[in-house]
Amino acid sequence: MSISQAVTNVVKDFRQTVPDCVAAGIVDMSTGMLLAVDTVDSHPSEVLDLLAAATFDMFQGRNVVMIEEIFNKRRGIERTGHYFREILVNSENLVHLFMRGTATDDMVAVVVCRRSVNIGMLFAQARLVMRSLDTSFGG
């Protein structure tokens, strides 16, 4: 199976498996591009592009990288990967989970659910789906 097909399948799996999921996507951190998306509503391409850019900033923006470097330096760690793995954002009506892959730091999943979602179930189901993406990348 191609990487493109694996990414598309995982995005569909997020939407079908994660409770109250209204949107899911995968952002390639090496390019800053949204590789695949599946939503209940249609969204203008500029909104989706901004989502990809915001995801990049949250995980690899200049200040975030500086924080990672300070943490590593103070702990005496020579780390090549990234420190932040998951970020949960609550907005007025939605819950947004951003998850970095373990097999590659370059893939970040974005899972958006209704505010009524059980947070524990969101994490449990999203992590299960994310493992299938990691497996596609050899993790």
N, C-alpha and C. Protein backbone atom coordinates (compact mmCIF):
# COMPACT_ATOMS: atom_id res chain seq x y z
N MET A 1 0.85 -1.19 0.00
CA MET A 1 0.00 0.00 0.00
C MET A 1 0.89 1.24 0.00
N SER A 2 0.52 2.22 -0.79
CA SER A 2 1.30 3.45 -0.87
C SER A 2 1.09 4.29 0.40
N ILE A 3 2.02 5.19 0.63
CA ILE A 3 1.91 6.11 1.78
C ILE A 3 0.66 6.97 1.63
N SER A 4 0.39 7.42 0.41
CA SER A 4 -0.80 8.23 0.16
C SER A 4 -2.07 7.48 0.54
N GLN A 5 -2.16 6.22 0.15
CA GLN A 5 -3.34 5.42 0.47
C GLN A 5 -3.42 5.17 1.98
N ALA A 6 -2.28 4.94 2.62
CA ALA A 6 -2.26 4.72 4.07
C ALA A 6 -2.77 5.95 4.81
N VAL A 7 -2.34 7.13 4.39
CA VAL A 7 -2.77 8.39 5.02
C VAL A 7 -4.27 8.58 4.83
N THR A 8 -4.76 8.36 3.63
CA THR A 8 -6.19 8.50 3.35
C THR A 8 -7.01 7.53 4.20
N ASN A 9 -6.55 6.29 4.30
CA ASN A 9 -7.26 5.30 5.11
C ASN A 9 -7.29 5.68 6.58
N VAL A 10 -6.19 6.18 7.09
CA VAL A 10 -6.12 6.55 8.50
C VAL A 10 -7.06 7.71 8.81
N VAL A 11 -7.13 8.69 7.92
CA VAL A 11 -8.03 9.83 8.12
C VAL A 11 -9.47 9.34 8.17
N LYS A 12 -9.83 8.42 7.29
CA LYS A 12 -11.18 7.85 7.31
C LYS A 12 -11.42 7.06 8.59
N ASP A 13 -10.40 6.34 9.03
CA ASP A 13 -10.51 5.57 10.28
C ASP A 13 -10.75 6.49 11.49
N PHE A 14 -10.05 7.62 11.52
CA PHE A 14 -10.28 8.59 12.62
C PHE A 14 -11.75 8.99 12.64
N ARG A 15 -12.27 9.37 11.47
CA ARG A 15 -13.66 9.84 11.40
C ARG A 15 -14.64 8.75 11.80
N GLN A 16 -14.37 7.50 11.46
CA GLN A 16 -15.30 6.41 11.75
C GLN A 16 -15.14 5.86 13.16
N THR A 17 -13.95 5.94 13.72
CA THR A 17 -13.64 5.27 14.99
C THR A 17 -13.70 6.18 16.20
N VAL A 18 -13.25 7.39 16.06
CA VAL A 18 -13.18 8.31 17.20
C VAL A 18 -14.58 8.87 17.48
N PRO A 19 -15.05 8.77 18.72
CA PRO A 19 -16.41 9.25 19.02
C PRO A 19 -16.57 10.75 18.78
N ASP A 20 -17.73 11.12 18.27
CA ASP A 20 -18.08 12.53 18.03
C ASP A 20 -17.13 13.26 17.09
N CYS A 21 -16.37 12.53 16.28
CA CYS A 21 -15.40 13.14 15.37
C CYS A 21 -16.13 13.81 14.21
N VAL A 22 -15.79 15.06 13.97
CA VAL A 22 -16.39 15.81 12.86
C VAL A 22 -15.38 16.10 11.75
N ALA A 23 -14.09 15.94 12.07
CA ALA A 23 -13.05 16.18 11.05
C ALA A 23 -11.75 15.53 11.49
N ALA A 24 -10.98 15.12 10.50
CA ALA A 24 -9.66 14.57 10.76
C ALA A 24 -8.76 14.87 9.57
N GLY A 25 -7.49 15.01 9.85
CA GLY A 25 -6.53 15.26 8.78
C GLY A 25 -5.14 14.86 9.21
N ILE A 26 -4.25 14.80 8.24
CA ILE A 26 -2.84 14.51 8.49
C ILE A 26 -2.02 15.64 7.88
N VAL A 27 -1.13 16.22 8.69
CA VAL A 27 -0.25 17.29 8.23
C VAL A 27 1.17 16.75 8.14
N ASP A 28 1.82 17.00 7.00
CA ASP A 28 3.22 16.63 6.82
C ASP A 28 4.06 17.80 7.33
N MET A 29 4.77 17.57 8.42
CA MET A 29 5.53 18.65 9.05
C MET A 29 6.76 19.03 8.24
N SER A 30 7.22 18.15 7.37
CA SER A 30 8.40 18.49 6.56
C SER A 30 8.05 19.50 5.47
N THR A 31 6.79 19.52 5.04
CA THR A 31 6.36 20.46 4.00
C THR A 31 5.35 21.48 4.51
N GLY A 32 4.72 21.18 5.66
CA GLY A 32 3.67 22.06 6.18
C GLY A 32 2.35 21.90 5.45
N MET A 33 2.22 20.83 4.66
CA MET A 33 1.01 20.63 3.86
C MET A 33 0.06 19.63 4.51
N LEU A 34 -1.22 19.86 4.28
CA LEU A 34 -2.26 18.93 4.69
C LEU A 34 -2.31 17.83 3.64
N LEU A 35 -2.01 16.59 4.05
CA LEU A 35 -1.94 15.48 3.10
C LEU A 35 -3.30 14.89 2.78
N ALA A 36 -4.17 14.85 3.79
CA ALA A 36 -5.50 14.28 3.61
C ALA A 36 -6.42 14.87 4.66
N VAL A 37 -7.70 14.96 4.32
CA VAL A 37 -8.69 15.48 5.25
C VAL A 37 -10.03 14.81 4.98
N ASP A 38 -10.80 14.63 6.05
CA ASP A 38 -12.16 14.08 5.95
C ASP A 38 -13.00 14.83 6.97
N THR A 39 -14.02 15.53 6.51
CA THR A 39 -14.86 16.33 7.41
C THR A 39 -16.33 16.11 7.11
N VAL A 40 -17.18 16.43 8.10
CA VAL A 40 -18.62 16.35 7.88
C VAL A 40 -19.11 17.54 7.07
N ASP A 41 -18.39 18.65 7.12
CA ASP A 41 -18.74 19.86 6.38
C ASP A 41 -17.63 20.17 5.38
N SER A 42 -17.96 20.93 4.36
CA SER A 42 -16.91 21.39 3.45
C SER A 42 -16.32 22.68 4.01
N HIS A 43 -15.03 22.84 3.80
CA HIS A 43 -14.33 24.02 4.30
C HIS A 43 -13.51 24.62 3.16
N PRO A 44 -13.43 25.94 3.12
CA PRO A 44 -12.62 26.58 2.08
C PRO A 44 -11.16 26.12 2.18
N SER A 45 -10.49 26.01 1.06
CA SER A 45 -9.10 25.54 1.05
C SER A 45 -8.19 26.44 1.88
N GLU A 46 -8.49 27.74 1.93
CA GLU A 46 -7.63 28.63 2.73
C GLU A 46 -7.73 28.32 4.23
N VAL A 47 -8.90 27.85 4.69
CA VAL A 47 -9.05 27.46 6.09
C VAL A 47 -8.22 26.20 6.36
N LEU A 48 -8.27 25.24 5.45
CA LEU A 48 -7.50 24.02 5.61
C LEU A 48 -6.00 24.30 5.55
N ASP A 49 -5.59 25.23 4.69
CA ASP A 49 -4.17 25.62 4.64
C ASP A 49 -3.74 26.27 5.94
N LEU A 50 -4.61 27.08 6.53
CA LEU A 50 -4.29 27.71 7.81
C LEU A 50 -4.21 26.69 8.94
N LEU A 51 -5.05 25.67 8.88
CA LEU A 51 -4.99 24.59 9.86
C LEU A 51 -3.63 23.91 9.80
N ALA A 52 -3.15 23.62 8.61
CA ALA A 52 -1.84 23.00 8.45
C ALA A 52 -0.74 23.91 8.99
N ALA A 53 -0.82 25.19 8.68
CA ALA A 53 0.19 26.14 9.16
C ALA A 53 0.15 26.28 10.68
N ALA A 54 -1.05 26.33 11.26
CA ALA A 54 -1.17 26.43 12.72
C ALA A 54 -0.64 25.17 13.40
N THR A 55 -0.89 24.01 12.80
CA THR A 55 -0.37 22.75 13.34
C THR A 55 1.15 22.78 13.34
N PHE A 56 1.73 23.23 12.26
CA PHE A 56 3.19 23.34 12.18
C PHE A 56 3.71 24.27 13.28
N ASP A 57 3.08 25.43 13.44
CA ASP A 57 3.52 26.39 14.46
C ASP A 57 3.43 25.81 15.87
N MET A 58 2.38 25.05 16.16
CA MET A 58 2.22 24.48 17.50
C MET A 58 3.31 23.47 17.83
N PHE A 59 3.73 22.71 16.83
CA PHE A 59 4.69 21.64 17.08
C PHE A 59 6.13 22.03 16.76
N GLN A 60 6.32 22.90 15.77
CA GLN A 60 7.68 23.20 15.33
C GLN A 60 7.93 24.67 15.08
N GLY A 61 7.08 25.53 15.64
CA GLY A 61 7.32 26.96 15.51
C GLY A 61 8.62 27.34 16.23
N ARG A 62 9.15 28.48 15.92
CA ARG A 62 10.44 28.92 16.46
C ARG A 62 10.49 28.84 17.99
N ASN A 63 9.46 29.35 18.65
CA ASN A 63 9.46 29.35 20.12
C ASN A 63 9.34 27.95 20.69
N VAL A 64 8.58 27.09 20.05
CA VAL A 64 8.43 25.71 20.51
C VAL A 64 9.77 24.98 20.41
N VAL A 65 10.46 25.16 19.29
CA VAL A 65 11.77 24.52 19.11
C VAL A 65 12.75 25.04 20.16
N MET A 66 12.68 26.33 20.47
CA MET A 66 13.55 26.89 21.51
C MET A 66 13.26 26.25 22.87
N ILE A 67 11.99 26.04 23.20
CA ILE A 67 11.62 25.38 24.46
C ILE A 67 12.18 23.97 24.48
N GLU A 68 12.02 23.24 23.38
CA GLU A 68 12.56 21.88 23.31
C GLU A 68 14.06 21.88 23.54
N GLU A 69 14.76 22.81 22.92
CA GLU A 69 16.22 22.87 23.07
C GLU A 69 16.62 23.18 24.50
N ILE A 70 15.88 24.07 25.16
CA ILE A 70 16.19 24.40 26.56
C ILE A 70 15.94 23.20 27.47
N PHE A 71 14.80 22.52 27.27
CA PHE A 71 14.51 21.31 28.06
C PHE A 71 15.63 20.28 27.89
N ASN A 72 16.02 20.03 26.66
CA ASN A 72 17.04 19.03 26.39
C ASN A 72 18.39 19.43 27.00
N LYS A 73 18.75 20.68 26.86
CA LYS A 73 20.03 21.16 27.39
C LYS A 73 20.08 21.04 28.90
N ARG A 74 19.01 21.45 29.57
CA ARG A 74 18.98 21.39 31.04
C ARG A 74 18.99 19.96 31.55
N ARG A 75 18.45 19.05 30.77
CA ARG A 75 18.42 17.63 31.17
C ARG A 75 19.63 16.87 30.65
N GLY A 76 20.48 17.54 29.88
CA GLY A 76 21.66 16.89 29.33
C GLY A 76 21.35 15.85 28.29
N ILE A 77 20.26 16.08 27.56
CA ILE A 77 19.81 15.11 26.55
C ILE A 77 20.25 15.56 25.17
N GLU A 78 20.83 14.63 24.43
CA GLU A 78 21.12 14.86 23.01
C GLU A 78 19.97 14.24 22.24
N ARG A 79 18.99 15.03 21.91
CA ARG A 79 17.78 14.49 21.27
C ARG A 79 17.67 15.02 19.85
N THR A 80 17.35 14.11 18.94
CA THR A 80 17.17 14.52 17.56
C THR A 80 15.69 14.71 17.21
N GLY A 81 14.80 14.05 17.95
CA GLY A 81 13.36 14.16 17.69
C GLY A 81 12.76 15.34 18.41
N HIS A 82 11.45 15.36 18.45
CA HIS A 82 10.74 16.46 19.09
C HIS A 82 10.14 16.02 20.42
N TYR A 83 10.03 16.96 21.33
CA TYR A 83 9.59 16.72 22.69
C TYR A 83 8.07 16.61 22.80
N PHE A 84 7.35 17.52 22.18
CA PHE A 84 5.90 17.56 22.29
C PHE A 84 5.27 16.53 21.35
N ARG A 85 4.40 15.67 21.90
CA ARG A 85 3.80 14.57 21.14
C ARG A 85 2.31 14.77 20.89
N GLU A 86 1.59 15.26 21.87
CA GLU A 86 0.14 15.45 21.75
C GLU A 86 -0.24 16.80 22.36
N ILE A 87 -1.17 17.46 21.70
CA ILE A 87 -1.68 18.74 22.20
C ILE A 87 -3.20 18.70 22.09
N LEU A 88 -3.88 19.02 23.18
CA LEU A 88 -5.34 19.07 23.19
C LEU A 88 -5.77 20.53 23.33
N VAL A 89 -6.65 20.96 22.44
CA VAL A 89 -7.13 22.34 22.45
C VAL A 89 -8.65 22.30 22.54
N ASN A 90 -9.21 22.98 23.52
CA ASN A 90 -10.66 23.11 23.66
C ASN A 90 -11.06 24.47 23.12
N SER A 91 -11.95 24.46 22.14
CA SER A 91 -12.50 25.73 21.65
C SER A 91 -13.93 25.84 22.19
N GLU A 92 -14.64 26.84 21.76
CA GLU A 92 -15.99 27.07 22.29
C GLU A 92 -16.92 25.88 22.05
N ASN A 93 -16.85 25.27 20.86
CA ASN A 93 -17.77 24.19 20.51
C ASN A 93 -17.10 22.86 20.21
N LEU A 94 -15.78 22.86 20.09
CA LEU A 94 -15.08 21.67 19.63
C LEU A 94 -13.87 21.34 20.49
N VAL A 95 -13.40 20.11 20.34
CA VAL A 95 -12.16 19.66 20.96
C VAL A 95 -11.23 19.25 19.82
N HIS A 96 -10.00 19.75 19.84
CA HIS A 96 -9.04 19.50 18.78
C HIS A 96 -7.86 18.73 19.38
N LEU A 97 -7.60 17.55 18.87
CA LEU A 97 -6.46 16.75 19.33
C LEU A 97 -5.44 16.70 18.20
N PHE A 98 -4.21 17.09 18.52
CA PHE A 98 -3.10 17.06 17.58
C PHE A 98 -2.12 16.02 18.10
N MET A 99 -1.77 15.03 17.26
CA MET A 99 -0.92 13.92 17.67
C MET A 99 0.21 13.72 16.68
N ARG A 100 1.43 13.74 17.19
CA ARG A 100 2.59 13.47 16.34
C ARG A 100 2.80 11.97 16.27
N GLY A 101 3.13 11.46 15.09
CA GLY A 101 3.40 10.04 14.92
C GLY A 101 4.66 9.63 15.68
N THR A 102 4.74 8.35 16.01
CA THR A 102 5.94 7.85 16.70
C THR A 102 6.96 7.29 15.72
N ALA A 103 6.49 6.77 14.59
CA ALA A 103 7.41 6.21 13.60
C ALA A 103 8.14 7.31 12.83
N THR A 104 7.49 8.44 12.68
CA THR A 104 8.10 9.59 12.02
C THR A 104 7.59 10.87 12.68
N ASP A 105 8.50 11.78 12.98
CA ASP A 105 8.11 13.06 13.56
C ASP A 105 7.43 13.95 12.53
N ASP A 106 7.46 13.55 11.26
CA ASP A 106 6.93 14.40 10.20
C ASP A 106 5.42 14.32 10.01
N MET A 107 4.76 13.37 10.66
CA MET A 107 3.32 13.22 10.49
C MET A 107 2.59 13.62 11.77
N VAL A 108 1.65 14.56 11.63
CA VAL A 108 0.81 14.97 12.76
C VAL A 108 -0.65 14.81 12.34
N ALA A 109 -1.38 14.07 13.16
CA ALA A 109 -2.81 13.90 12.93
C ALA A 109 -3.56 15.00 13.67
N VAL A 110 -4.62 15.49 13.04
CA VAL A 110 -5.51 16.47 13.64
C VAL A 110 -6.89 15.82 13.70
N VAL A 111 -7.44 15.69 14.90
CA VAL A 111 -8.75 15.07 15.09
C VAL A 111 -9.63 16.09 15.80
N VAL A 112 -10.76 16.43 15.19
CA VAL A 112 -11.67 17.43 15.74
C VAL A 112 -12.98 16.75 16.11
N CYS A 113 -13.41 16.96 17.36
CA CYS A 113 -14.63 16.33 17.85
C CYS A 113 -15.56 17.38 18.46
N ARG A 114 -16.83 17.00 18.58
CA ARG A 114 -17.78 17.85 19.29
C ARG A 114 -17.36 17.98 20.75
N ARG A 115 -17.73 19.05 21.36
CA ARG A 115 -17.34 19.33 22.76
C ARG A 115 -17.87 18.26 23.71
N SER A 116 -18.90 17.53 23.32
CA SER A 116 -19.50 16.51 24.17
C SER A 116 -18.67 15.22 24.25
N VAL A 117 -17.58 15.13 23.49
CA VAL A 117 -16.78 13.91 23.45
C VAL A 117 -16.22 13.57 24.83
N ASN A 118 -16.15 12.29 25.12
CA ASN A 118 -15.46 11.82 26.32
C ASN A 118 -13.97 11.88 26.00
N ILE A 119 -13.23 12.71 26.73
CA ILE A 119 -11.81 12.96 26.43
C ILE A 119 -10.99 11.67 26.51
N GLY A 120 -11.28 10.82 27.48
CA GLY A 120 -10.56 9.56 27.60
C GLY A 120 -10.76 8.68 26.39
N MET A 121 -12.00 8.59 25.91
CA MET A 121 -12.29 7.80 24.72
C MET A 121 -11.65 8.42 23.48
N LEU A 122 -11.65 9.74 23.41
CA LEU A 122 -11.00 10.43 22.30
C LEU A 122 -9.54 10.00 22.21
N PHE A 123 -8.82 10.11 23.33
CA PHE A 123 -7.40 9.74 23.34
C PHE A 123 -7.23 8.26 23.03
N ALA A 124 -8.01 7.40 23.65
CA ALA A 124 -7.86 5.95 23.47
C ALA A 124 -8.07 5.55 22.02
N GLN A 125 -9.16 6.00 21.42
CA GLN A 125 -9.47 5.62 20.05
C GLN A 125 -8.50 6.27 19.05
N ALA A 126 -8.17 7.53 19.28
CA ALA A 126 -7.26 8.22 18.36
C ALA A 126 -5.87 7.58 18.39
N ARG A 127 -5.41 7.18 19.56
CA ARG A 127 -4.10 6.52 19.66
C ARG A 127 -4.11 5.18 18.93
N LEU A 128 -5.22 4.45 19.02
CA LEU A 128 -5.32 3.18 18.28
C LEU A 128 -5.20 3.41 16.78
N VAL A 129 -5.91 4.39 16.27
CA VAL A 129 -5.87 4.68 14.84
C VAL A 129 -4.47 5.17 14.46
N MET A 130 -3.88 6.00 15.31
CA MET A 130 -2.55 6.54 15.01
C MET A 130 -1.52 5.42 14.90
N ARG A 131 -1.67 4.37 15.66
CA ARG A 131 -0.74 3.23 15.59
C ARG A 131 -0.73 2.63 14.19
N SER A 132 -1.90 2.61 13.54
CA SER A 132 -1.95 2.05 12.19
C SER A 132 -1.17 2.92 11.21
N LEU A 133 -1.18 4.24 11.41
CA LEU A 133 -0.36 5.12 10.57
C LEU A 133 1.11 4.87 10.85
N ASP A 134 1.47 4.76 12.13
CA ASP A 134 2.86 4.50 12.49
C ASP A 134 3.33 3.19 11.88
N THR A 135 2.47 2.18 11.86
CA THR A 135 2.83 0.89 11.27
C THR A 135 3.12 1.03 9.78
N SER A 136 2.38 1.90 9.12
CA SER A 136 2.61 2.14 7.69
C SER A 136 3.98 2.74 7.42
N PHE A 137 4.53 3.44 8.43
CA PHE A 137 5.84 4.06 8.30
C PHE A 137 6.94 3.23 8.95
N GLY A 138 6.60 2.00 9.32
CA GLY A 138 7.62 1.10 9.86
C GLY A 138 7.82 1.19 11.35
N GLY A 139 6.86 1.81 12.06
CA GLY A 139 7.03 1.95 13.51
C GLY A 139 6.34 0.88 14.31
